[in-house]
Amino acid sequence: MGLAEELEAFFNGYPKSRNLFDALRGEVEALGQVALRVGKSQVAFQRKRNFAFAWIPERYLQGQRELAPLVLTLGLRHKNESPRWKEIVEPHPGRFTHHLELRESGEIDEEVRNWLREAWELAG
């Protein structure tokens, strides 16, 4: 199965999530060389290492109200203090995982593009 078919299967039944993913993908690919890996639970963006992930919260958090159609997860070497993050965890010392809920493509703004660039550069 090729990438297009894998993405179609991953987002099957989640058209709003797919539209947001496509907008996100365009921003990430504008940074430079990026590979995509479609897994069971998320789509990873990678260079030498994975640096960003997109996943559909409705698949895992059923029954909760007002779930965003897509979550962007970024790995950074510092804790970014923006109030936009839904959650930030430090799974390893000096490695911070940031989760950003996306509800519409307009939320992928200059601030998010800067975070994507930072994560992309760290993964290169």
N, C-alpha and C. Protein backbone atom coordinates (compact mmCIF):
# COMPACT_ATOMS: atom_id res chain seq x y z
N MET A 1 0.85 -1.17 0.00
CA MET A 1 0.00 0.00 0.00
C MET A 1 0.89 1.24 0.00
N GLY A 2 0.58 2.19 -0.85
CA GLY A 2 1.35 3.42 -0.93
C GLY A 2 0.92 4.43 0.12
N LEU A 3 1.66 5.52 0.20
CA LEU A 3 1.39 6.55 1.20
C LEU A 3 -0.02 7.12 1.06
N ALA A 4 -0.46 7.41 -0.15
CA ALA A 4 -1.79 7.97 -0.35
C ALA A 4 -2.87 7.05 0.20
N GLU A 5 -2.72 5.76 -0.06
CA GLU A 5 -3.70 4.78 0.43
C GLU A 5 -3.63 4.64 1.96
N GLU A 6 -2.43 4.69 2.50
CA GLU A 6 -2.27 4.60 3.96
C GLU A 6 -2.94 5.80 4.65
N LEU A 7 -2.74 6.99 4.08
CA LEU A 7 -3.38 8.18 4.65
C LEU A 7 -4.89 8.12 4.53
N GLU A 8 -5.37 7.64 3.39
CA GLU A 8 -6.82 7.49 3.18
C GLU A 8 -7.41 6.56 4.23
N ALA A 9 -6.74 5.46 4.48
CA ALA A 9 -7.23 4.50 5.47
C ALA A 9 -7.15 5.09 6.88
N PHE A 10 -6.08 5.79 7.20
CA PHE A 10 -5.91 6.37 8.53
C PHE A 10 -7.02 7.37 8.84
N PHE A 11 -7.36 8.21 7.87
CA PHE A 11 -8.34 9.27 8.09
C PHE A 11 -9.75 8.88 7.67
N ASN A 12 -9.97 7.64 7.30
CA ASN A 12 -11.30 7.19 6.88
C ASN A 12 -12.33 7.45 7.99
N GLY A 13 -13.38 8.19 7.65
CA GLY A 13 -14.42 8.52 8.61
C GLY A 13 -14.17 9.79 9.40
N TYR A 14 -13.04 10.44 9.15
CA TYR A 14 -12.68 11.66 9.87
C TYR A 14 -12.31 12.76 8.86
N PRO A 15 -13.27 13.23 8.07
CA PRO A 15 -12.93 14.20 7.01
C PRO A 15 -12.38 15.53 7.53
N LYS A 16 -12.89 16.03 8.66
CA LYS A 16 -12.37 17.30 9.18
C LYS A 16 -10.92 17.11 9.65
N SER A 17 -10.65 15.97 10.26
CA SER A 17 -9.27 15.68 10.69
C SER A 17 -8.35 15.63 9.47
N ARG A 18 -8.82 15.03 8.39
CA ARG A 18 -8.01 14.92 7.17
C ARG A 18 -7.72 16.29 6.59
N ASN A 19 -8.74 17.16 6.55
CA ASN A 19 -8.52 18.50 6.01
C ASN A 19 -7.49 19.27 6.83
N LEU A 20 -7.56 19.15 8.15
CA LEU A 20 -6.58 19.80 9.00
C LEU A 20 -5.19 19.20 8.78
N PHE A 21 -5.14 17.89 8.66
CA PHE A 21 -3.86 17.24 8.42
C PHE A 21 -3.24 17.73 7.11
N ASP A 22 -4.04 17.83 6.06
CA ASP A 22 -3.51 18.28 4.78
C ASP A 22 -2.94 19.70 4.89
N ALA A 23 -3.62 20.57 5.65
CA ALA A 23 -3.09 21.93 5.85
C ALA A 23 -1.78 21.88 6.65
N LEU A 24 -1.75 21.06 7.67
CA LEU A 24 -0.54 20.89 8.48
C LEU A 24 0.60 20.32 7.64
N ARG A 25 0.30 19.32 6.87
CA ARG A 25 1.31 18.69 6.02
C ARG A 25 1.93 19.69 5.06
N GLY A 26 1.11 20.56 4.49
CA GLY A 26 1.63 21.58 3.59
C GLY A 26 2.63 22.50 4.28
N GLU A 27 2.33 22.88 5.52
CA GLU A 27 3.24 23.74 6.28
C GLU A 27 4.54 23.01 6.61
N VAL A 28 4.43 21.75 7.00
CA VAL A 28 5.62 20.98 7.36
C VAL A 28 6.49 20.76 6.12
N GLU A 29 5.90 20.38 5.01
CA GLU A 29 6.68 20.12 3.80
C GLU A 29 7.31 21.38 3.25
N ALA A 30 6.77 22.55 3.58
CA ALA A 30 7.38 23.81 3.14
C ALA A 30 8.71 24.06 3.85
N LEU A 31 8.95 23.37 4.95
CA LEU A 31 10.20 23.54 5.70
C LEU A 31 11.39 22.93 4.98
N GLY A 32 11.14 21.89 4.21
CA GLY A 32 12.21 21.19 3.53
C GLY A 32 11.93 19.70 3.50
N GLN A 33 12.98 18.94 3.34
CA GLN A 33 12.87 17.48 3.22
C GLN A 33 12.19 16.87 4.45
N VAL A 34 11.11 16.14 4.21
CA VAL A 34 10.33 15.50 5.27
C VAL A 34 9.81 14.18 4.73
N ALA A 35 9.84 13.17 5.58
CA ALA A 35 9.22 11.89 5.25
C ALA A 35 8.01 11.71 6.15
N LEU A 36 7.03 10.96 5.67
CA LEU A 36 5.84 10.64 6.47
C LEU A 36 5.82 9.15 6.74
N ARG A 37 5.40 8.81 7.95
CA ARG A 37 5.22 7.41 8.31
C ARG A 37 3.86 7.29 8.96
N VAL A 38 3.00 6.51 8.34
CA VAL A 38 1.65 6.31 8.87
C VAL A 38 1.68 5.08 9.77
N GLY A 39 1.36 5.30 11.03
CA GLY A 39 1.29 4.21 11.99
C GLY A 39 -0.15 3.90 12.34
N LYS A 40 -0.32 3.03 13.28
CA LYS A 40 -1.66 2.65 13.70
C LYS A 40 -2.37 3.79 14.43
N SER A 41 -1.62 4.56 15.23
CA SER A 41 -2.24 5.58 16.05
C SER A 41 -1.94 7.02 15.63
N GLN A 42 -0.96 7.21 14.76
CA GLN A 42 -0.57 8.57 14.40
C GLN A 42 0.20 8.58 13.09
N VAL A 43 0.32 9.78 12.55
CA VAL A 43 1.17 10.00 11.37
C VAL A 43 2.38 10.78 11.85
N ALA A 44 3.56 10.24 11.60
CA ALA A 44 4.80 10.87 12.03
C ALA A 44 5.44 11.62 10.87
N PHE A 45 5.95 12.80 11.18
CA PHE A 45 6.78 13.57 10.26
C PHE A 45 8.21 13.35 10.72
N GLN A 46 9.11 13.02 9.79
CA GLN A 46 10.47 12.71 10.21
C GLN A 46 11.52 13.24 9.26
N ARG A 47 12.67 13.51 9.85
CA ARG A 47 13.91 13.76 9.13
C ARG A 47 14.82 12.61 9.52
N LYS A 48 15.91 12.89 10.23
CA LYS A 48 16.70 11.78 10.77
C LYS A 48 15.92 11.11 11.89
N ARG A 49 15.14 11.91 12.61
CA ARG A 49 14.28 11.42 13.69
C ARG A 49 12.87 11.99 13.50
N ASN A 50 11.92 11.38 14.16
CA ASN A 50 10.57 11.93 14.17
C ASN A 50 10.59 13.26 14.93
N PHE A 51 9.83 14.22 14.43
CA PHE A 51 9.80 15.52 15.12
C PHE A 51 8.39 16.04 15.35
N ALA A 52 7.43 15.50 14.64
CA ALA A 52 6.05 15.94 14.82
C ALA A 52 5.13 14.75 14.52
N PHE A 53 3.99 14.77 15.18
CA PHE A 53 3.01 13.70 15.02
C PHE A 53 1.62 14.31 14.93
N ALA A 54 0.78 13.74 14.13
CA ALA A 54 -0.62 14.14 14.04
C ALA A 54 -1.47 12.93 14.39
N TRP A 55 -2.46 13.14 15.25
CA TRP A 55 -3.33 12.04 15.64
C TRP A 55 -4.74 12.56 15.89
N ILE A 56 -5.68 11.62 15.88
CA ILE A 56 -7.11 11.94 15.99
C ILE A 56 -7.58 11.58 17.40
N PRO A 57 -7.82 12.57 18.25
CA PRO A 57 -8.17 12.27 19.63
C PRO A 57 -9.48 11.49 19.79
N GLU A 58 -10.41 11.67 18.89
CA GLU A 58 -11.70 10.98 19.00
C GLU A 58 -11.53 9.46 19.03
N ARG A 59 -10.49 8.96 18.42
CA ARG A 59 -10.25 7.52 18.42
C ARG A 59 -9.91 6.98 19.81
N TYR A 60 -9.36 7.82 20.66
CA TYR A 60 -8.83 7.36 21.93
C TYR A 60 -9.54 7.94 23.15
N LEU A 61 -10.22 9.03 22.96
CA LEU A 61 -10.85 9.74 24.07
C LEU A 61 -12.36 9.82 23.88
N GLN A 62 -12.95 8.75 23.42
CA GLN A 62 -14.38 8.74 23.13
C GLN A 62 -15.18 9.05 24.38
N GLY A 63 -16.27 9.75 24.17
CA GLY A 63 -17.14 10.11 25.27
C GLY A 63 -16.81 11.46 25.89
N GLN A 64 -15.68 12.02 25.54
CA GLN A 64 -15.35 13.34 26.06
C GLN A 64 -15.94 14.39 25.15
N ARG A 65 -16.26 15.52 25.71
CA ARG A 65 -16.91 16.59 24.95
C ARG A 65 -15.88 17.49 24.27
N GLU A 66 -16.30 18.05 23.18
CA GLU A 66 -15.54 19.08 22.48
C GLU A 66 -14.11 18.69 22.13
N LEU A 67 -13.94 17.51 21.61
CA LEU A 67 -12.61 17.09 21.18
C LEU A 67 -12.22 17.80 19.90
N ALA A 68 -10.98 18.18 19.80
CA ALA A 68 -10.47 18.76 18.57
C ALA A 68 -10.36 17.65 17.52
N PRO A 69 -10.54 17.97 16.25
CA PRO A 69 -10.43 16.96 15.22
C PRO A 69 -9.02 16.40 15.03
N LEU A 70 -8.00 17.19 15.42
CA LEU A 70 -6.62 16.75 15.21
C LEU A 70 -5.74 17.32 16.33
N VAL A 71 -4.76 16.54 16.74
CA VAL A 71 -3.77 17.03 17.70
C VAL A 71 -2.41 16.95 17.03
N LEU A 72 -1.66 18.02 17.16
CA LEU A 72 -0.26 18.08 16.72
C LEU A 72 0.61 17.90 17.95
N THR A 73 1.51 16.94 17.88
CA THR A 73 2.45 16.70 18.97
C THR A 73 3.85 17.01 18.47
N LEU A 74 4.55 17.86 19.22
CA LEU A 74 5.91 18.26 18.85
C LEU A 74 6.87 17.96 19.98
N GLY A 75 8.07 17.55 19.63
CA GLY A 75 9.13 17.37 20.60
C GLY A 75 10.10 18.54 20.55
N LEU A 76 10.29 19.20 21.68
CA LEU A 76 11.22 20.32 21.77
C LEU A 76 12.18 20.09 22.93
N ARG A 77 13.28 20.81 22.95
CA ARG A 77 14.27 20.65 24.03
C ARG A 77 14.03 21.60 25.20
N HIS A 78 12.96 22.35 25.13
CA HIS A 78 12.61 23.25 26.22
C HIS A 78 11.09 23.26 26.38
N LYS A 79 10.65 23.68 27.51
CA LYS A 79 9.22 23.79 27.74
C LYS A 79 8.76 25.14 27.21
N ASN A 80 7.93 25.12 26.18
CA ASN A 80 7.40 26.34 25.61
C ASN A 80 6.19 26.74 26.45
N GLU A 81 6.19 27.96 26.94
CA GLU A 81 5.18 28.40 27.90
C GLU A 81 3.90 28.96 27.28
N SER A 82 3.72 28.82 25.99
CA SER A 82 2.51 29.35 25.37
C SER A 82 1.26 28.71 25.99
N PRO A 83 0.23 29.50 26.21
CA PRO A 83 -1.03 28.95 26.75
C PRO A 83 -1.81 28.14 25.71
N ARG A 84 -1.33 28.11 24.49
CA ARG A 84 -2.03 27.36 23.44
C ARG A 84 -1.89 25.85 23.60
N TRP A 85 -0.87 25.40 24.28
CA TRP A 85 -0.65 23.96 24.42
C TRP A 85 -1.71 23.34 25.31
N LYS A 86 -2.23 22.21 24.90
CA LYS A 86 -3.20 21.47 25.71
C LYS A 86 -2.48 20.77 26.87
N GLU A 87 -1.29 20.24 26.57
CA GLU A 87 -0.52 19.53 27.58
C GLU A 87 0.95 19.54 27.19
N ILE A 88 1.81 19.61 28.20
CA ILE A 88 3.25 19.51 27.99
C ILE A 88 3.78 18.52 29.02
N VAL A 89 4.55 17.56 28.56
CA VAL A 89 5.15 16.58 29.46
C VAL A 89 6.65 16.49 29.16
N GLU A 90 7.41 16.04 30.15
CA GLU A 90 8.86 15.86 30.00
C GLU A 90 9.16 14.37 30.19
N PRO A 91 9.04 13.58 29.11
CA PRO A 91 9.25 12.14 29.25
C PRO A 91 10.69 11.75 29.55
N HIS A 92 11.62 12.60 29.15
CA HIS A 92 13.05 12.40 29.42
C HIS A 92 13.63 13.76 29.79
N PRO A 93 14.62 13.82 30.65
CA PRO A 93 15.21 15.11 31.02
C PRO A 93 15.64 15.90 29.78
N GLY A 94 15.16 17.13 29.70
CA GLY A 94 15.52 17.99 28.58
C GLY A 94 14.77 17.72 27.29
N ARG A 95 13.77 16.86 27.31
CA ARG A 95 12.93 16.56 26.15
C ARG A 95 11.48 16.81 26.54
N PHE A 96 10.86 17.77 25.88
CA PHE A 96 9.49 18.14 26.22
C PHE A 96 8.56 17.82 25.05
N THR A 97 7.50 17.13 25.37
CA THR A 97 6.48 16.79 24.38
C THR A 97 5.30 17.74 24.57
N HIS A 98 4.96 18.45 23.50
CA HIS A 98 3.91 19.46 23.52
C HIS A 98 2.74 18.98 22.66
N HIS A 99 1.52 19.10 23.19
CA HIS A 99 0.32 18.70 22.46
C HIS A 99 -0.53 19.94 22.18
N LEU A 100 -0.85 20.13 20.91
CA LEU A 100 -1.64 21.28 20.47
C LEU A 100 -2.90 20.79 19.77
N GLU A 101 -4.04 21.19 20.27
CA GLU A 101 -5.31 20.85 19.62
C GLU A 101 -5.52 21.77 18.42
N LEU A 102 -5.93 21.18 17.32
CA LEU A 102 -6.23 21.95 16.11
C LEU A 102 -7.70 21.75 15.76
N ARG A 103 -8.42 22.86 15.63
CA ARG A 103 -9.84 22.82 15.29
C ARG A 103 -10.13 23.37 13.90
N GLU A 104 -9.24 24.25 13.43
CA GLU A 104 -9.39 24.82 12.09
C GLU A 104 -8.02 25.18 11.55
N SER A 105 -7.93 25.22 10.23
CA SER A 105 -6.62 25.42 9.61
C SER A 105 -6.01 26.78 9.94
N GLY A 106 -6.83 27.78 10.24
CA GLY A 106 -6.31 29.10 10.60
C GLY A 106 -5.47 29.09 11.87
N GLU A 107 -5.61 28.05 12.67
CA GLU A 107 -4.80 27.93 13.89
C GLU A 107 -3.35 27.56 13.57
N ILE A 108 -3.09 27.12 12.36
CA ILE A 108 -1.72 26.81 11.95
C ILE A 108 -1.12 28.12 11.44
N ASP A 109 -0.79 28.97 12.39
CA ASP A 109 -0.36 30.33 12.10
C ASP A 109 1.17 30.45 12.21
N GLU A 110 1.64 31.68 12.23
CA GLU A 110 3.09 31.92 12.27
C GLU A 110 3.73 31.32 13.52
N GLU A 111 3.06 31.40 14.64
CA GLU A 111 3.59 30.83 15.88
C GLU A 111 3.77 29.32 15.74
N VAL A 112 2.77 28.65 15.20
CA VAL A 112 2.84 27.19 15.01
C VAL A 112 3.92 26.86 13.97
N ARG A 113 4.00 27.64 12.91
CA ARG A 113 5.05 27.41 11.91
C ARG A 113 6.44 27.54 12.54
N ASN A 114 6.63 28.47 13.45
CA ASN A 114 7.91 28.61 14.14
C ASN A 114 8.21 27.39 15.00
N TRP A 115 7.21 26.86 15.70
CA TRP A 115 7.40 25.65 16.51
C TRP A 115 7.74 24.46 15.63
N LEU A 116 7.04 24.37 14.49
CA LEU A 116 7.33 23.28 13.55
C LEU A 116 8.77 23.37 13.04
N ARG A 117 9.19 24.58 12.70
CA ARG A 117 10.56 24.77 12.22
C ARG A 117 11.58 24.36 13.28
N GLU A 118 11.34 24.78 14.51
CA GLU A 118 12.25 24.44 15.60
C GLU A 118 12.37 22.91 15.75
N ALA A 119 11.23 22.23 15.76
CA ALA A 119 11.24 20.77 15.89
C ALA A 119 11.90 20.12 14.68
N TRP A 120 11.63 20.66 13.48
CA TRP A 120 12.21 20.14 12.24
C TRP A 120 13.73 20.27 12.28
N GLU A 121 14.22 21.43 12.72
CA GLU A 121 15.67 21.64 12.79
C GLU A 121 16.33 20.69 13.79
N LEU A 122 15.68 20.46 14.93
CA LEU A 122 16.23 19.55 15.93
C LEU A 122 16.34 18.10 15.41
N ALA A 123 15.48 17.75 14.50
CA ALA A 123 15.42 16.37 14.00
C ALA A 123 16.37 16.10 12.84
N GLY A 124 17.05 17.15 12.37
CA GLY A 124 17.87 17.02 11.18
C GLY A 124 19.25 16.57 11.41
